[in-house]
């Protein structure tokens, strides 16, 4: 999950960088294409309609003081005056200044009106054909900045700025115009700025300056609505970002499924196996769980190693258990050897105790613990004199008091075994009774450890079903009746009922000495 989180973070960062790069790449490509197109169209306008561009500066200066006269629609005769002037200049060999000085005021006004007519036609036709956002001719000189010579009509319903109208143009808001006035440009200057001849939107504007004597007289300007393009671009960018995000989510989902299949579930099974094995030490169950891991990657190798390790631990543990059991059984036989009438008593009590624990449903480990307690429940008899243990006649009160000390002796001995701290429980409490009449502590009910209650039932059963010097082992039904009759007084009900089930299942009375 940590690796997946790092992958997701890296993907998001990469996606953000890619989105920003895509935005600027698309934006710059658009601007570059627009610059080429605007510069081409401005050059075409300039060279196509103005054969003698030297007339343009004269026209701009002339219009400043006579805007109302020039803007009056030209007559049919005046419509061709510019073309006639071009022809006359060409044929006469005169330059523009010589030609203008030879003209009367009436002819100059006619020429200006014809020029104005040509500008309006050129800008209107180009705007209509090329679908510009806007096209105009405007003065940008300091004292006359914003003086409009003409703004192209976008359609017949438009109300456009005409000759003599003055726009409130703030040069500080138009870095391209500042470059033109400072002479800091190559051919055409560009900017993204609000256009005073439009409302409320930003435009990408290209300016072609008209220069005379190193002075910018006016500019032809073409603009495109930048906000519209930018909105479309952002929509596309968000769409691409959304698709990339959706792709990331799908990839993460698939990766989660894949990781869960090849890593998380196998690792979980390995972990579950280890924990279960640590709890019940059941190697066979561990091997069954590990078989469910089908992957052949490092986790599969780990599962194989865990399987081999559990087998090895189990074998080693079984060896230790076998050794422990053999030692305890040998010790139990040594204890029983002190009493010639109780041969095999400890081993049978241990076996009956484990059977009761199993019948109750205790774990495998708990069954083993009860078995060991049963084996050594009488170890305290080591401290009892043989004369008392093997006495065939009735014991005196003093002798019986000595016998009653063997649970305490057994507890003292077994308490020294630190690795099995509960081992002494059976030795100390197996003679306690539910009604409190037992010994050595006279405990009652739940104060008696449950494992000791089990051993108490097993010990009494073996005593009744073993041979003594004064009698043969008792019939099975007698032993059963004694256990049943003493439930709640001598015996706890749970282990006693379990022992009754074991007796009932022993149809041929095999459980006796």
Protein backbone atom coordinates (compact mmCIF):
# COMPACT_ATOMS: atom_id res chain seq x y z
CA UNK A 1 0.00 0.00 0.00
CA UNK A 2 2.88 2.35 0.69
CA UNK A 3 4.36 1.64 -2.75
CA UNK A 4 0.94 2.16 -4.34
CA UNK A 5 0.56 5.47 -2.49
CA UNK A 6 3.96 6.60 -3.77
CA UNK A 7 2.96 5.59 -7.31
CA UNK A 8 -0.29 7.55 -7.02
CA UNK A 9 1.53 10.63 -5.68
CA UNK A 10 4.11 10.39 -8.46
CA UNK A 11 1.32 9.96 -11.04
CA UNK A 12 -0.58 12.99 -9.74
CA UNK A 13 2.57 15.13 -9.80
CA UNK A 14 3.38 13.90 -13.30
CA UNK A 15 -0.19 14.56 -14.41
CA UNK A 16 -0.08 18.10 -12.98
CA UNK A 17 3.23 18.80 -14.71
CA UNK A 18 1.93 17.28 -17.95
CA UNK A 19 -1.26 19.34 -17.76
CA UNK A 20 0.64 22.57 -17.21
CA UNK A 21 3.06 21.66 -20.01
CA UNK A 22 0.15 20.80 -22.29
CA UNK A 23 -1.51 24.12 -21.48
CA UNK A 24 1.55 26.22 -22.25
CA UNK A 25 2.44 24.14 -25.29
CA UNK A 26 -1.07 24.53 -26.75
CA UNK A 27 -1.16 28.21 -25.82
CA UNK A 28 2.23 28.94 -27.36
CA UNK A 29 1.42 26.95 -30.50
CA UNK A 30 -1.82 28.90 -30.91
CA UNK A 31 -0.10 32.23 -30.35
CA UNK A 32 2.69 31.34 -32.76
CA UNK A 33 0.18 30.38 -35.45
CA UNK A 34 -1.84 33.53 -34.83
CA UNK A 35 1.25 35.71 -35.01
CA UNK A 36 2.22 34.26 -38.37
CA UNK A 37 -1.31 34.68 -39.70
CA UNK A 38 -1.79 38.21 -38.37
CA UNK A 39 1.58 39.38 -39.69
CA UNK A 40 0.83 37.85 -43.09
CA UNK A 41 -2.61 39.44 -43.30
CA UNK A 42 -1.35 42.85 -42.18
CA UNK A 43 1.44 42.73 -44.77
CA UNK A 44 -1.02 41.68 -47.46
CA UNK A 45 -3.34 44.53 -46.49
CA UNK A 46 -0.54 47.03 -46.56
CA UNK A 47 1.00 45.98 -49.88
CA UNK A 48 -2.24 45.19 -51.70
CA UNK A 49 -4.21 48.36 -51.10
CA UNK A 50 -1.55 50.96 -50.58
CA UNK A 51 0.69 51.09 -53.65
CA UNK A 52 2.30 54.26 -52.38
CA UNK A 53 2.39 53.85 -48.60
CA UNK A 54 3.94 57.35 -48.36
CA UNK A 55 0.41 58.69 -48.85
CA UNK A 56 -0.72 57.07 -45.59
CA UNK A 57 1.21 59.40 -43.23
CA UNK A 58 -0.12 62.39 -45.17
CA UNK A 59 -3.66 60.99 -44.89
CA UNK A 60 -3.36 60.50 -41.12
CA UNK A 61 -2.07 64.04 -40.59
CA UNK A 62 -4.73 65.47 -42.89
CA UNK A 63 -7.58 63.68 -41.11
CA UNK A 64 -6.74 64.96 -37.64
CA UNK A 65 -8.06 68.44 -38.42
CA UNK A 66 -10.65 67.56 -41.09
CA UNK A 67 -12.25 64.37 -39.79
CA UNK A 68 -15.81 65.55 -40.32
CA UNK A 69 -15.12 66.63 -43.93
CA UNK A 70 -13.19 63.48 -44.85
CA UNK A 71 -15.77 61.13 -43.31
CA UNK A 72 -18.53 62.49 -45.61
CA UNK A 73 -19.22 59.73 -48.15
CA UNK A 74 -17.20 60.25 -51.29
CA UNK A 75 -18.85 60.90 -54.65
CA UNK A 76 -18.59 58.46 -57.50
CA UNK A 77 -15.90 60.61 -59.05
CA UNK A 78 -13.94 60.66 -55.82
CA UNK A 79 -14.08 56.86 -55.32
CA UNK A 80 -11.27 56.33 -57.84
CA UNK A 81 -9.22 59.35 -56.88
CA UNK A 82 -6.59 57.30 -55.04
CA UNK A 83 -6.10 55.03 -58.06
CA UNK A 84 -5.84 58.08 -60.30
CA UNK A 85 -3.25 59.53 -57.95
CA UNK A 86 -1.27 56.31 -58.04
CA UNK A 87 -1.33 56.38 -61.85
CA UNK A 88 -0.36 60.03 -62.07
CA UNK A 89 2.53 59.63 -59.64
CA UNK A 90 3.72 56.60 -61.56
CA UNK A 91 3.47 58.25 -65.00
CA UNK A 92 4.74 61.71 -64.05
CA UNK A 93 7.79 60.56 -62.21
CA UNK A 94 6.88 62.83 -59.32
CA UNK A 95 7.33 61.72 -55.75
CA UNK A 96 4.45 61.86 -53.28
CA UNK A 97 5.42 65.23 -51.81
CA UNK A 98 5.70 66.81 -55.27
CA UNK A 99 2.38 65.40 -56.28
CA UNK A 100 0.63 66.65 -53.16
CA UNK A 101 2.11 70.14 -53.44
CA UNK A 102 0.68 70.40 -56.97
CA UNK A 103 -2.85 69.61 -55.80
CA UNK A 104 -5.50 72.10 -54.79
CA UNK A 105 -7.25 71.93 -51.44
CA UNK A 106 -10.32 70.63 -53.19
CA UNK A 107 -8.33 67.82 -54.79
CA UNK A 108 -6.60 66.98 -51.49
CA UNK A 109 -9.99 66.66 -49.79
CA UNK A 110 -11.19 64.44 -52.61
CA UNK A 111 -8.01 62.35 -52.30
CA UNK A 112 -8.50 62.03 -48.54
CA UNK A 113 -12.13 60.98 -48.98
CA UNK A 114 -11.09 58.43 -51.63
CA UNK A 115 -8.34 57.17 -49.33
CA UNK A 116 -10.83 56.86 -46.48
CA UNK A 117 -13.15 54.94 -48.76
CA UNK A 118 -10.30 52.57 -49.69
CA UNK A 119 -9.39 51.98 -46.02
CA UNK A 120 -12.98 51.23 -45.07
CA UNK A 121 -13.33 48.84 -48.00
CA UNK A 122 -10.00 47.12 -47.28
CA UNK A 123 -10.69 46.60 -43.59
CA UNK A 124 -14.35 45.55 -44.07
CA UNK A 125 -13.57 43.06 -46.83
CA UNK A 126 -10.61 41.51 -45.00
CA UNK A 127 -12.61 41.17 -41.79
CA UNK A 128 -15.48 39.51 -43.62
CA UNK A 129 -13.24 37.09 -45.54
CA UNK A 130 -10.86 36.11 -42.74
CA UNK A 131 -13.38 36.32 -39.89
CA UNK A 132 -11.22 38.51 -37.69
CA UNK A 133 -12.31 39.36 -34.20
CA UNK A 134 -11.75 42.98 -35.09
CA UNK A 135 -9.68 45.18 -37.43
CA UNK A 136 -9.00 48.89 -37.18
CA UNK A 137 -6.69 51.75 -38.00
CA UNK A 138 -5.78 54.06 -35.10
CA UNK A 139 -3.34 56.80 -34.15
CA UNK A 140 -1.09 55.98 -31.17
CA UNK A 141 1.00 59.15 -30.99
CA UNK A 142 1.15 60.68 -27.55
CA UNK A 143 -0.95 63.78 -28.22
CA UNK A 144 -3.40 61.97 -30.47
CA UNK A 145 -3.47 58.44 -28.96
CA UNK A 146 -6.75 56.71 -29.52
CA UNK A 147 -7.78 58.74 -32.56
CA UNK A 148 -9.67 56.25 -34.76
CA UNK A 149 -9.33 56.34 -38.50
CA UNK A 150 -11.61 53.39 -39.03
CA UNK A 151 -12.84 50.19 -37.38
CA UNK A 152 -13.98 47.43 -39.70
CA UNK A 153 -17.60 46.36 -39.67
CA UNK A 154 -18.04 42.74 -38.57
CA UNK A 155 -21.59 42.59 -39.91
CA UNK A 156 -24.24 44.97 -41.16
CA UNK A 157 -25.76 45.36 -37.67
CA UNK A 158 -22.53 46.54 -36.04
CA UNK A 159 -22.05 50.11 -34.87
CA UNK A 160 -18.33 50.76 -35.31
CA UNK A 161 -15.89 53.48 -34.49
CA UNK A 162 -15.44 55.83 -37.45
CA UNK A 163 -13.07 58.57 -38.48
CA UNK A 164 -12.51 61.10 -35.73
CA UNK A 165 -13.77 59.06 -32.81
CA UNK A 166 -11.39 59.14 -29.85
CA UNK A 167 -10.89 56.03 -27.68
CA UNK A 168 -9.54 56.24 -24.14
CA UNK A 169 -6.44 54.15 -24.73
CA UNK A 170 -4.08 53.74 -21.78
CA UNK A 171 -0.64 52.98 -23.17
CA UNK A 172 0.42 51.37 -19.88
CA UNK A 173 -2.19 48.65 -20.46
CA UNK A 174 -0.79 47.91 -23.93
CA UNK A 175 2.84 46.78 -23.79
CA UNK A 176 2.91 46.29 -27.58
CA UNK A 177 1.98 49.93 -28.22
CA UNK A 178 4.73 51.04 -25.83
CA UNK A 179 7.22 48.96 -27.81
CA UNK A 180 6.08 50.58 -31.05
CA UNK A 181 6.44 54.09 -29.65
CA UNK A 182 9.87 53.21 -28.24
CA UNK A 183 10.97 51.63 -31.51
CA UNK A 184 11.47 48.28 -29.80
CA UNK A 185 9.94 45.98 -32.44
CA UNK A 186 10.85 44.06 -35.60
CA UNK A 187 7.87 44.27 -37.91
CA UNK A 188 4.66 43.60 -36.02
CA UNK A 189 4.08 43.85 -32.26
CA UNK A 190 1.74 41.53 -30.35
CA UNK A 191 0.00 41.54 -26.96
CA UNK A 192 -2.82 40.05 -24.92
CA UNK A 193 -4.80 42.97 -23.52
CA UNK A 194 -8.29 44.40 -23.16
CA UNK A 195 -9.30 46.18 -26.34
CA UNK A 196 -10.94 49.55 -25.67
CA UNK A 197 -12.96 49.12 -28.83
CA UNK A 198 -14.49 45.94 -27.34
CA UNK A 199 -16.09 45.39 -23.92
CA UNK A 200 -15.16 43.22 -20.99
CA UNK A 201 -12.89 40.72 -22.74
CA UNK A 202 -9.21 40.17 -23.50
CA UNK A 203 -7.94 40.01 -27.06
CA UNK A 204 -4.82 38.85 -28.80
CA UNK A 205 -3.82 41.89 -30.84
CA UNK A 206 -1.25 42.38 -33.57
CA UNK A 207 -0.16 45.91 -34.57
CA UNK A 208 1.45 46.93 -37.87
CA UNK A 209 2.95 50.44 -37.47
CA UNK A 210 2.85 53.09 -40.23
CA UNK A 211 6.17 54.93 -39.94
CA UNK A 212 7.27 58.22 -41.50
CA UNK A 213 10.59 59.86 -40.69
CA UNK A 214 11.14 57.28 -37.93
CA UNK A 215 7.89 58.34 -36.29
CA UNK A 216 4.95 55.99 -35.86
CA UNK A 217 1.98 57.82 -37.36
CA UNK A 218 -0.67 55.11 -36.79
CA UNK A 219 -1.21 51.37 -36.63
CA UNK A 220 -3.29 48.80 -38.38
CA UNK A 221 -4.56 46.35 -35.75
CA UNK A 222 -6.06 42.86 -35.97
CA UNK A 223 -7.46 41.20 -32.87
CA UNK A 224 -8.86 37.80 -31.94
CA UNK A 225 -10.96 37.08 -28.87
CA UNK A 226 -8.45 35.57 -26.47
CA UNK A 227 -10.99 34.72 -23.74
CA UNK A 228 -13.00 32.51 -26.12
CA UNK A 229 -9.92 30.60 -27.16
CA UNK A 230 -8.63 30.40 -23.60
CA UNK A 231 -11.99 29.08 -22.40
CA UNK A 232 -11.97 26.40 -25.10
CA UNK A 233 -8.37 25.54 -24.32
CA UNK A 234 -9.09 25.21 -20.61
CA UNK A 235 -12.09 23.00 -21.36
CA UNK A 236 -9.86 20.73 -23.41
CA UNK A 237 -7.18 20.77 -20.74
CA UNK A 238 -9.70 19.85 -18.03
CA UNK A 239 -11.09 17.14 -20.28
CA UNK A 240 -7.62 15.70 -20.79
CA UNK A 241 -6.87 16.03 -17.07
CA UNK A 242 -10.15 14.27 -16.28
CA UNK A 243 -9.36 11.47 -18.70
CA UNK A 244 -5.87 11.14 -17.23
CA UNK A 245 -7.32 11.09 -13.72
CA UNK A 246 -9.88 8.48 -14.73
CA UNK A 247 -7.08 6.48 -16.31
CA UNK A 248 -5.09 6.78 -13.09
CA UNK A 249 -8.04 5.58 -11.02
CA UNK A 250 -8.60 2.62 -13.35
CA UNK A 251 -4.88 1.80 -13.25
CA UNK A 252 -4.88 2.06 -9.45
CA UNK A 253 -7.93 -0.19 -9.24
CA UNK A 254 -6.34 -2.75 -11.53
CA UNK A 255 -3.08 -2.44 -9.61
CA UNK A 256 -4.94 -2.95 -6.32
CA UNK A 257 -6.63 -6.06 -7.70
CA UNK A 258 -3.32 -7.33 -9.04
CA UNK A 259 -1.39 -6.49 -5.87
CA UNK A 260 -4.15 -8.02 -3.75
CA UNK A 261 -3.98 -11.18 -5.82
CA UNK A 262 -0.23 -11.60 -6.07
CA UNK A 263 0.87 -10.00 -2.79
CA UNK A 264 -1.67 -8.97 -0.17
CA UNK A 265 -3.74 -12.18 -0.03
CA UNK A 266 -0.71 -14.49 -0.17
CA UNK A 267 1.04 -12.43 2.52
CA UNK A 268 -2.15 -12.43 4.57
CA UNK A 269 -2.31 -16.22 4.29
CA UNK A 270 1.32 -16.50 5.34
CA UNK A 271 0.66 -14.20 8.31
CA UNK A 272 -2.50 -16.10 9.23
CA UNK A 273 -0.61 -19.37 9.02
CA UNK A 274 2.19 -18.13 11.26
CA UNK A 275 -0.24 -16.74 13.86
CA UNK A 276 -2.36 -19.88 13.85
CA UNK A 277 0.70 -22.07 14.13
CA UNK A 278 1.99 -19.96 17.01
CA UNK A 279 -1.37 -20.54 18.72
CA UNK A 280 -2.01 -24.24 18.22
CA UNK A 281 1.35 -25.55 16.93
CA UNK A 282 -0.56 -27.61 14.35
CA UNK A 283 1.82 -28.18 11.45
CA UNK A 284 -0.74 -30.03 9.31
CA UNK A 285 -3.22 -27.14 9.51
CA UNK A 286 -0.40 -24.73 8.63
CA UNK A 287 0.52 -26.78 5.56
CA UNK A 288 -3.11 -26.77 4.39
CA UNK A 289 -3.26 -22.99 4.64
CA UNK A 290 0.03 -22.59 2.77
CA UNK A 291 -1.27 -24.78 -0.08
CA UNK A 292 -3.77 -22.03 -0.90
CA UNK A 293 -0.91 -19.75 -1.92
CA UNK A 294 -0.54 -20.35 -5.66
CA UNK A 295 1.77 -17.47 -6.55
CA UNK A 296 5.30 -18.40 -7.61
CA UNK A 297 6.98 -15.08 -6.88
CA UNK A 298 9.00 -14.14 -3.79
CA UNK A 299 5.89 -14.54 -1.64
CA UNK A 300 5.48 -18.09 -2.93
CA UNK A 301 9.09 -18.77 -1.98
CA UNK A 302 8.41 -17.22 1.44
CA UNK A 303 5.37 -19.50 1.85
CA UNK A 304 7.52 -22.53 1.02
CA UNK A 305 10.12 -21.38 3.53
CA UNK A 306 7.45 -20.86 6.19
CA UNK A 307 6.09 -24.34 5.46
CA UNK A 308 9.53 -25.86 5.79
CA UNK A 309 10.18 -23.86 8.95
CA UNK A 310 6.91 -24.99 10.58
CA UNK A 311 7.76 -28.59 9.76
CA UNK A 312 11.21 -28.19 11.24
CA UNK A 313 9.88 -26.43 14.34
CA UNK A 314 7.17 -29.07 14.70
CA UNK A 315 9.70 -31.88 14.44
CA UNK A 316 11.95 -30.18 16.95
CA UNK A 317 9.00 -29.44 19.25
CA UNK A 318 7.74 -32.99 18.96
CA UNK A 319 11.21 -34.19 19.85
CA UNK A 320 11.26 -31.94 22.91
CA UNK A 321 7.73 -33.00 23.83
CA UNK A 322 8.63 -36.63 23.45
CA UNK A 323 11.67 -36.16 25.61
CA UNK A 324 9.64 -34.19 28.18
CA UNK A 325 6.89 -36.80 28.19
CA UNK A 326 9.34 -39.66 28.58
CA UNK A 327 11.09 -37.90 31.44
CA UNK A 328 7.82 -37.11 33.16
CA UNK A 329 6.47 -40.61 32.62
CA UNK A 330 9.69 -42.06 34.03
CA UNK A 331 9.39 -39.74 36.99
CA UNK A 332 5.72 -40.73 37.41
CA UNK A 333 6.72 -44.42 37.40
CA UNK A 334 9.34 -43.65 40.03
CA UNK A 335 6.66 -42.02 42.18
CA UNK A 336 4.26 -44.91 41.68
CA UNK A 337 7.04 -47.37 42.55
CA UNK A 338 6.96 -46.11 46.14
CA UNK A 339 3.50 -47.68 46.43
CA UNK A 340 3.37 -51.27 45.21
CA UNK A 341 -0.44 -51.04 45.05
CA UNK A 342 -0.56 -47.99 42.72
CA UNK A 343 1.56 -49.18 39.80
CA UNK A 344 0.70 -47.12 36.68
CA UNK A 345 -1.68 -44.86 38.61
CA UNK A 346 -0.10 -41.55 37.52
CA UNK A 347 0.01 -42.55 33.84
CA UNK A 348 -3.66 -43.58 33.86
CA UNK A 349 -4.73 -40.39 35.66
CA UNK A 350 -2.83 -38.36 33.04
CA UNK A 351 -4.52 -40.27 30.23
CA UNK A 352 -8.02 -39.94 31.75
CA UNK A 353 -7.42 -36.22 32.37
CA UNK A 354 -6.46 -35.64 28.73
CA UNK A 355 -9.56 -37.57 27.58
CA UNK A 356 -11.79 -35.38 29.76
CA UNK A 357 -10.11 -32.20 28.41
CA UNK A 358 -10.67 -33.38 24.85
CA UNK A 359 -14.33 -34.25 25.60
CA UNK A 360 -14.87 -30.77 27.00
CA UNK A 361 -13.38 -29.20 23.84
CA UNK A 362 -10.15 -27.78 25.21
CA UNK A 363 -7.34 -26.98 22.79
CA UNK A 364 -4.63 -29.43 21.88
CA UNK A 365 -2.11 -27.46 23.94
CA UNK A 366 -4.44 -27.42 26.96
CA UNK A 367 -4.94 -31.18 26.66
CA UNK A 368 -1.17 -31.66 26.73
CA UNK A 369 -0.83 -29.37 29.75
CA UNK A 370 -3.47 -31.35 31.67
CA UNK A 371 -1.71 -34.60 30.71
CA UNK A 372 1.57 -33.39 32.22
CA UNK A 373 -0.21 -32.19 35.36
CA UNK A 374 -1.82 -35.62 35.71
CA UNK A 375 1.50 -37.39 35.33
CA UNK A 376 3.04 -35.46 38.23
CA UNK A 377 0.00 -34.86 40.42
CA UNK A 378 1.34 -37.26 43.08
CA UNK A 379 5.01 -36.18 42.92
CA UNK A 380 4.71 -34.87 46.49
CA UNK A 381 4.56 -38.48 47.71
CA UNK A 382 8.34 -38.48 47.33
CA UNK A 383 8.39 -36.63 50.63
CA UNK A 384 6.14 -39.17 52.39
CA UNK A 385 7.84 -42.06 54.25
CA UNK A 386 7.49 -45.43 52.53
CA UNK A 387 6.24 -46.96 55.77
CA UNK A 388 3.16 -44.76 55.66
CA UNK A 389 2.58 -45.13 51.91
CA UNK A 390 2.83 -48.94 51.97
CA UNK A 391 1.01 -49.46 55.27
CA UNK A 392 -1.72 -52.08 54.74
CA UNK A 393 -3.67 -51.38 57.90
CA UNK A 394 -5.71 -48.28 58.64
CA UNK A 395 -3.70 -45.09 59.01
CA UNK A 396 -3.67 -43.21 62.25
CA UNK A 397 -4.78 -39.59 62.35
CA UNK A 398 -1.15 -38.51 62.56
CA UNK A 399 -0.22 -40.65 59.56
CA UNK A 400 -3.18 -39.39 57.59
CA UNK A 401 -2.12 -35.82 58.40
CA UNK A 402 1.30 -36.64 56.94
CA UNK A 403 -0.32 -38.08 53.79
CA UNK A 404 -2.34 -34.88 53.39
CA UNK A 405 0.92 -32.94 53.07
CA UNK A 406 1.89 -34.50 49.71
CA UNK A 407 -0.01 -31.83 47.63
CA UNK A 408 2.04 -29.15 49.36
CA UNK A 409 5.28 -31.06 48.77
CA UNK A 410 4.32 -31.56 45.13
CA UNK A 411 3.58 -27.84 44.72
CA UNK A 412 6.93 -26.91 46.24
CA UNK A 413 8.77 -29.25 43.89
CA UNK A 414 6.98 -28.33 40.66
CA UNK A 415 6.96 -24.58 41.35
CA UNK A 416 10.66 -24.62 40.64
CA UNK A 417 10.01 -25.40 36.95
CA UNK A 418 9.86 -21.88 35.49
CA UNK A 419 9.17 -22.97 31.92
CA UNK A 420 5.86 -24.63 32.97
CA UNK A 421 4.46 -22.40 35.73
CA UNK A 422 1.03 -24.14 35.78
CA UNK A 423 2.49 -27.62 36.23
CA UNK A 424 2.17 -27.39 40.00
CA UNK A 425 -1.58 -26.67 39.88
CA UNK A 426 -2.60 -30.33 39.56
CA UNK A 427 -0.27 -31.44 42.31
CA UNK A 428 -1.54 -28.89 44.87
CA UNK A 429 -5.28 -28.84 44.22
CA UNK A 430 -6.28 -32.35 42.97
CA UNK A 431 -7.64 -33.27 46.43
CA UNK A 432 -9.76 -30.12 46.79
CA UNK A 433 -13.57 -30.55 46.73
CA UNK A 434 -16.31 -28.29 45.42
CA UNK A 435 -17.98 -28.27 48.85
CA UNK A 436 -14.74 -27.13 50.54
CA UNK A 437 -14.09 -30.38 52.42
CA UNK A 438 -10.93 -31.20 50.50
CA UNK A 439 -7.29 -30.48 51.32
CA UNK A 440 -4.77 -28.92 51.70
CA UNK A 441 -6.48 -25.47 51.40
CA UNK A 442 -10.20 -26.32 51.66
CA UNK A 443 -11.06 -24.29 48.53
CA UNK A 444 -14.61 -24.21 47.20
CA UNK A 445 -16.27 -23.87 43.80
CA UNK A 446 -14.60 -21.54 41.29
CA UNK A 447 -11.64 -20.91 43.59
CA UNK A 448 -10.32 -24.33 42.56
CA UNK A 449 -8.38 -24.22 39.26
CA UNK A 450 -10.33 -25.93 36.48
CA UNK A 451 -7.43 -28.19 35.48
CA UNK A 452 -7.26 -29.46 39.08
CA UNK A 453 -10.99 -30.24 38.94
CA UNK A 454 -10.33 -32.42 35.88
CA UNK A 455 -7.49 -34.27 37.59
CA UNK A 456 -9.65 -34.78 40.69
CA UNK A 457 -12.27 -36.66 38.63
CA UNK A 458 -9.60 -38.71 36.80
CA UNK A 459 -7.78 -39.51 40.07
CA UNK A 460 -10.96 -40.70 41.80
CA UNK A 461 -11.99 -42.77 38.79
CA UNK A 462 -8.62 -44.55 38.65
CA UNK A 463 -8.67 -45.15 42.41
CA UNK A 464 -12.03 -46.90 42.04
CA UNK A 465 -11.00 -48.87 38.95
CA UNK A 466 -7.60 -50.03 40.26
CA UNK A 467 -6.78 -53.15 42.29
CA UNK A 468 -6.02 -52.75 45.96
CA UNK A 469 -4.68 -55.16 48.60
CA UNK A 470 -8.09 -55.28 50.19
CA UNK A 471 -10.19 -55.47 46.98
CA UNK A 472 -10.29 -55.92 43.21
CA UNK A 473 -11.15 -52.93 40.99
CA UNK A 474 -14.81 -51.94 41.26
CA UNK A 475 -17.41 -52.65 38.57
CA UNK A 476 -17.83 -49.94 35.95
CA UNK A 477 -21.39 -49.08 37.00
CA UNK A 478 -20.27 -48.57 40.62
CA UNK A 479 -17.53 -46.16 39.58
CA UNK A 480 -19.98 -44.32 37.32
CA UNK A 481 -22.57 -44.06 40.08
CA UNK A 482 -20.02 -42.69 42.56
CA UNK A 483 -18.95 -39.93 40.16
CA UNK A 484 -22.54 -39.01 39.29
CA UNK A 485 -23.67 -38.98 42.93
CA UNK A 486 -20.83 -36.68 43.99
CA UNK A 487 -21.37 -33.99 41.32
CA UNK A 488 -21.66 -30.64 43.08
CA UNK A 489 -20.09 -31.87 46.30
CA UNK A 490 -16.79 -33.53 45.46
CA UNK A 491 -16.68 -32.96 41.71
CA UNK A 492 -17.29 -30.04 39.40
CA UNK A 493 -20.17 -30.77 37.04
CA UNK A 494 -18.38 -30.06 33.73
CA UNK A 495 -15.45 -32.52 34.00
CA UNK A 496 -17.65 -35.04 35.86
CA UNK A 497 -20.25 -35.07 33.06
CA UNK A 498 -17.46 -35.42 30.50
CA UNK A 499 -16.10 -38.42 32.43
CA UNK A 500 -19.58 -40.00 32.48
CA UNK A 501 -19.72 -39.71 28.67
CA UNK A 502 -16.33 -41.40 28.40
CA UNK A 503 -17.50 -44.20 30.71
CA UNK A 504 -20.70 -44.66 28.72
CA UNK A 505 -18.67 -44.93 25.51
CA UNK A 506 -16.45 -47.61 27.08
CA UNK A 507 -18.91 -50.47 26.38
CA UNK A 508 -16.40 -53.21 27.17
CA UNK A 509 -14.96 -51.59 30.30
CA UNK A 510 -11.44 -51.17 28.99
CA UNK A 511 -10.61 -48.20 31.20
CA UNK A 512 -9.31 -49.87 34.36
CA UNK A 513 -6.04 -51.21 35.72
